[in-house]
């Protein structure tokens, strides 16, 4: 009986030692992921640190990700410095009224400005006064 129990434990240990992926709420994690978490109602909570705690991490790993609760922003370590992950919704809080697509261009009335400042439907008339149906683009 002891030999059978030892054999079962040895087989189980070998099976788990060869596992390539870990799954939470899944019995078949994707083989390309070291960790796969499945949920329809919950997210992943990244460690939350103050700026002081984040910058005091001794020898952070390349790619380390944390949430800086002092400035309310995610940061990752690139091997030599911390970089903030920018919020890409800087000016889009009011729908299409004002929009920045993070290209350095700002649009009013457009979500894909092609110039530094682009105003769609500015109602600019040929005389230089505002009228109906025109678009104003400022480049430079």
C-alpha atoms as a PDB file:
ATOM      1  CA  UNK A   1       0.000   0.000   0.000  1.00  0.00           C
ATOM      2  CA  UNK A   2       2.847   2.404   0.800  1.00  0.00           C
ATOM      3  CA  UNK A   3       4.409   1.728  -2.590  1.00  0.00           C
ATOM      4  CA  UNK A   4       1.128   2.452  -4.355  1.00  0.00           C
ATOM      5  CA  UNK A   5       0.647   5.717  -2.458  1.00  0.00           C
ATOM      6  CA  UNK A   6       4.253   6.725  -3.188  1.00  0.00           C
ATOM      7  CA  UNK A   7       3.750   5.944  -6.881  1.00  0.00           C
ATOM      8  CA  UNK A   8       0.547   8.029  -7.018  1.00  0.00           C
ATOM      9  CA  UNK A   9       2.215  10.979  -5.268  1.00  0.00           C
ATOM     10  CA  UNK A  10       5.268  10.740  -7.515  1.00  0.00           C
ATOM     11  CA  UNK A  11       3.080  10.694 -10.643  1.00  0.00           C
ATOM     12  CA  UNK A  12       1.094  13.699  -9.424  1.00  0.00           C
ATOM     13  CA  UNK A  13       4.283  15.641  -8.636  1.00  0.00           C
ATOM     14  CA  UNK A  14       5.750  14.912 -12.065  1.00  0.00           C
ATOM     15  CA  UNK A  15       2.494  15.984 -13.742  1.00  0.00           C
ATOM     16  CA  UNK A  16       2.375  19.293 -11.852  1.00  0.00           C
ATOM     17  CA  UNK A  17       6.098  19.922 -12.301  1.00  0.00           C
ATOM     18  CA  UNK A  18       5.633  19.750 -16.077  1.00  0.00           C
ATOM     19  CA  UNK A  19       2.700  22.178 -16.059  1.00  0.00           C
ATOM     20  CA  UNK A  20       3.453  25.171 -18.271  1.00  0.00           C
ATOM     21  CA  UNK A  21       0.468  27.371 -17.429  1.00  0.00           C
ATOM     22  CA  UNK A  22      -1.552  28.140 -14.327  1.00  0.00           C
ATOM     23  CA  UNK A  23      -5.264  28.767 -14.541  1.00  0.00           C
ATOM     24  CA  UNK A  24      -7.654  30.412 -12.114  1.00  0.00           C
ATOM     25  CA  UNK A  25     -11.298  29.507 -12.790  1.00  0.00           C
ATOM     26  CA  UNK A  26     -10.199  27.463 -15.797  1.00  0.00           C
ATOM     27  CA  UNK A  27      -8.935  23.912 -16.160  1.00  0.00           C
ATOM     28  CA  UNK A  28      -7.286  24.589 -19.514  1.00  0.00           C
ATOM     29  CA  UNK A  29      -5.245  27.812 -19.435  1.00  0.00           C
ATOM     30  CA  UNK A  30      -3.894  29.071 -22.737  1.00  0.00           C
ATOM     31  CA  UNK A  31      -0.458  27.586 -23.385  1.00  0.00           C
ATOM     32  CA  UNK A  32       0.958  30.982 -24.354  1.00  0.00           C
ATOM     33  CA  UNK A  33       0.150  32.416 -20.902  1.00  0.00           C
ATOM     34  CA  UNK A  34       2.009  31.731 -17.663  1.00  0.00           C
ATOM     35  CA  UNK A  35      -1.189  32.710 -15.812  1.00  0.00           C
ATOM     36  CA  UNK A  36      -4.744  32.878 -17.143  1.00  0.00           C
ATOM     37  CA  UNK A  37      -7.602  34.207 -15.063  1.00  0.00           C
ATOM     38  CA  UNK A  38     -11.165  33.683 -16.268  1.00  0.00           C
ATOM     39  CA  UNK A  39     -14.033  35.744 -14.879  1.00  0.00           C
ATOM     40  CA  UNK A  40     -17.208  37.342 -16.111  1.00  0.00           C
ATOM     41  CA  UNK A  41     -17.616  39.590 -13.078  1.00  0.00           C
ATOM     42  CA  UNK A  42     -14.203  40.416 -11.627  1.00  0.00           C
ATOM     43  CA  UNK A  43     -10.921  41.948 -12.745  1.00  0.00           C
ATOM     44  CA  UNK A  44      -7.261  41.716 -11.860  1.00  0.00           C
ATOM     45  CA  UNK A  45      -6.052  44.040  -9.117  1.00  0.00           C
ATOM     46  CA  UNK A  46      -2.476  45.157  -9.735  1.00  0.00           C
ATOM     47  CA  UNK A  47      -0.447  46.036  -6.613  1.00  0.00           C
ATOM     48  CA  UNK A  48      -1.183  49.591  -5.452  1.00  0.00           C
ATOM     49  CA  UNK A  49       1.766  51.561  -4.087  1.00  0.00           C
ATOM     50  CA  UNK A  50       2.460  55.190  -3.265  1.00  0.00           C
ATOM     51  CA  UNK A  51       5.073  56.981  -5.369  1.00  0.00           C
ATOM     52  CA  UNK A  52       7.570  56.605  -2.537  1.00  0.00           C
ATOM     53  CA  UNK A  53       6.882  52.864  -2.211  1.00  0.00           C
ATOM     54  CA  UNK A  54       7.141  52.383  -6.001  1.00  0.00           C
ATOM     55  CA  UNK A  55      10.440  54.230  -6.323  1.00  0.00           C
ATOM     56  CA  UNK A  56      11.849  52.394  -3.288  1.00  0.00           C
ATOM     57  CA  UNK A  57      11.389  48.937  -4.845  1.00  0.00           C
ATOM     58  CA  UNK A  58      14.828  47.343  -4.713  1.00  0.00           C
ATOM     59  CA  UNK A  59      16.013  46.121  -8.135  1.00  0.00           C
ATOM     60  CA  UNK A  60      12.628  46.052  -9.924  1.00  0.00           C
ATOM     61  CA  UNK A  61      12.230  43.473 -12.672  1.00  0.00           C
ATOM     62  CA  UNK A  62      12.073  44.596 -16.293  1.00  0.00           C
ATOM     63  CA  UNK A  63       8.359  44.831 -17.104  1.00  0.00           C
ATOM     64  CA  UNK A  64       7.194  45.168 -13.488  1.00  0.00           C
ATOM     65  CA  UNK A  65       3.745  46.774 -13.380  1.00  0.00           C
ATOM     66  CA  UNK A  66       2.256  48.670 -10.431  1.00  0.00           C
ATOM     67  CA  UNK A  67      -0.497  51.214  -9.829  1.00  0.00           C
ATOM     68  CA  UNK A  68       0.796  54.412  -8.239  1.00  0.00           C
ATOM     69  CA  UNK A  69      -1.975  55.496  -5.859  1.00  0.00           C
ATOM     70  CA  UNK A  70      -0.353  58.905  -5.275  1.00  0.00           C
ATOM     71  CA  UNK A  71      -0.867  60.037  -8.882  1.00  0.00           C
ATOM     72  CA  UNK A  72      -3.574  57.488  -9.866  1.00  0.00           C
ATOM     73  CA  UNK A  73      -1.615  56.060 -12.789  1.00  0.00           C
ATOM     74  CA  UNK A  74      -0.112  52.731 -13.859  1.00  0.00           C
ATOM     75  CA  UNK A  75       3.690  52.533 -14.087  1.00  0.00           C
ATOM     76  CA  UNK A  76       5.976  49.912 -15.596  1.00  0.00           C
ATOM     77  CA  UNK A  77       9.716  49.452 -15.214  1.00  0.00           C
ATOM     78  CA  UNK A  78      11.687  49.156 -18.472  1.00  0.00           C
ATOM     79  CA  UNK A  79      14.926  47.869 -16.947  1.00  0.00           C
ATOM     80  CA  UNK A  80      16.379  51.280 -16.161  1.00  0.00           C
ATOM     81  CA  UNK A  81      13.514  53.666 -15.291  1.00  0.00           C
ATOM     82  CA  UNK A  82       9.825  53.856 -14.365  1.00  0.00           C
ATOM     83  CA  UNK A  83       7.413  55.012 -17.080  1.00  0.00           C
ATOM     84  CA  UNK A  84       3.797  56.045 -16.592  1.00  0.00           C
ATOM     85  CA  UNK A  85       1.207  54.493 -18.840  1.00  0.00           C
ATOM     86  CA  UNK A  86      -0.720  57.502 -20.135  1.00  0.00           C
ATOM     87  CA  UNK A  87      -4.451  57.891 -20.023  1.00  0.00           C
ATOM     88  CA  UNK A  88      -5.555  58.066 -23.678  1.00  0.00           C
ATOM     89  CA  UNK A  89      -8.830  59.867 -22.914  1.00  0.00           C
ATOM     90  CA  UNK A  90      -7.384  63.256 -22.029  1.00  0.00           C
ATOM     91  CA  UNK A  91      -9.912  65.487 -23.743  1.00  0.00           C
ATOM     92  CA  UNK A  92     -12.719  63.170 -24.811  1.00  0.00           C
ATOM     93  CA  UNK A  93     -14.865  63.503 -21.678  1.00  0.00           C
ATOM     94  CA  UNK A  94     -17.612  65.358 -23.593  1.00  0.00           C
ATOM     95  CA  UNK A  95     -18.061  62.999 -26.518  1.00  0.00           C
ATOM     96  CA  UNK A  96     -16.948  64.420 -29.871  1.00  0.00           C
ATOM     97  CA  UNK A  97     -16.944  68.034 -28.713  1.00  0.00           C
ATOM     98  CA  UNK A  98     -13.210  67.954 -27.944  1.00  0.00           C
ATOM     99  CA  UNK A  99     -10.948  65.024 -28.730  1.00  0.00           C
ATOM    100  CA  UNK A 100      -7.236  64.214 -28.582  1.00  0.00           C
ATOM    101  CA  UNK A 101      -6.273  60.960 -30.267  1.00  0.00           C
ATOM    102  CA  UNK A 102      -2.888  60.992 -28.479  1.00  0.00           C
ATOM    103  CA  UNK A 103      -1.083  61.897 -31.710  1.00  0.00           C
ATOM    104  CA  UNK A 104      -0.446  65.437 -30.522  1.00  0.00           C
ATOM    105  CA  UNK A 105      -3.375  66.719 -32.593  1.00  0.00           C
ATOM    106  CA  UNK A 106      -6.557  68.154 -31.082  1.00  0.00           C
ATOM    107  CA  UNK A 107      -9.922  68.034 -32.787  1.00  0.00           C
ATOM    108  CA  UNK A 108     -13.214  69.706 -32.067  1.00  0.00           C
ATOM    109  CA  UNK A 109     -16.122  67.898 -33.667  1.00  0.00           C
ATOM    110  CA  UNK A 110     -13.832  65.137 -34.994  1.00  0.00           C
ATOM    111  CA  UNK A 111     -12.318  62.058 -33.364  1.00  0.00           C
ATOM    112  CA  UNK A 112      -9.424  61.811 -35.816  1.00  0.00           C
ATOM    113  CA  UNK A 113      -7.777  65.222 -36.192  1.00  0.00           C
ATOM    114  CA  UNK A 114      -5.078  65.317 -38.874  1.00  0.00           C
ATOM    115  CA  UNK A 115      -3.582  68.697 -37.892  1.00  0.00           C
ATOM    116  CA  UNK A 116      -2.452  70.376 -34.655  1.00  0.00           C
ATOM    117  CA  UNK A 117      -5.936  71.907 -34.330  1.00  0.00           C
ATOM    118  CA  UNK A 118      -8.845  70.791 -36.478  1.00  0.00           C
ATOM    119  CA  UNK A 119     -12.369  72.133 -36.003  1.00  0.00           C
ATOM    120  CA  UNK A 120     -15.079  70.309 -37.944  1.00  0.00           C
ATOM    121  CA  UNK A 121     -18.200  72.204 -38.976  1.00  0.00           C
ATOM    122  CA  UNK A 122     -16.694  75.518 -37.889  1.00  0.00           C
ATOM    123  CA  UNK A 123     -19.139  77.377 -40.104  1.00  0.00           C
ATOM    124  CA  UNK A 124     -16.400  79.585 -41.556  1.00  0.00           C
ATOM    125  CA  UNK A 125     -17.515  81.680 -44.532  1.00  0.00           C
ATOM    126  CA  UNK A 126     -15.227  82.833 -47.378  1.00  0.00           C
ATOM    127  CA  UNK A 127     -15.348  86.354 -45.939  1.00  0.00           C
ATOM    128  CA  UNK A 128     -13.598  85.146 -42.779  1.00  0.00           C
ATOM    129  CA  UNK A 129     -16.759  85.123 -40.714  1.00  0.00           C
ATOM    130  CA  UNK A 130     -18.418  81.995 -39.455  1.00  0.00           C
ATOM    131  CA  UNK A 131     -21.214  80.476 -41.498  1.00  0.00           C
ATOM    132  CA  UNK A 132     -22.633  77.017 -42.211  1.00  0.00           C
ATOM    133  CA  UNK A 133     -20.940  73.798 -43.366  1.00  0.00           C
ATOM    134  CA  UNK A 134     -17.215  74.707 -43.439  1.00  0.00           C
ATOM    135  CA  UNK A 135     -14.281  73.202 -41.646  1.00  0.00           C
ATOM    136  CA  UNK A 136     -11.350  75.038 -40.099  1.00  0.00           C
ATOM    137  CA  UNK A 137      -7.902  73.460 -39.924  1.00  0.00           C
ATOM    138  CA  UNK A 138      -4.863  75.068 -38.349  1.00  0.00           C
ATOM    139  CA  UNK A 139      -1.524  73.447 -39.067  1.00  0.00           C
ATOM    140  CA  UNK A 140       1.962  74.372 -38.218  1.00  0.00           C
END
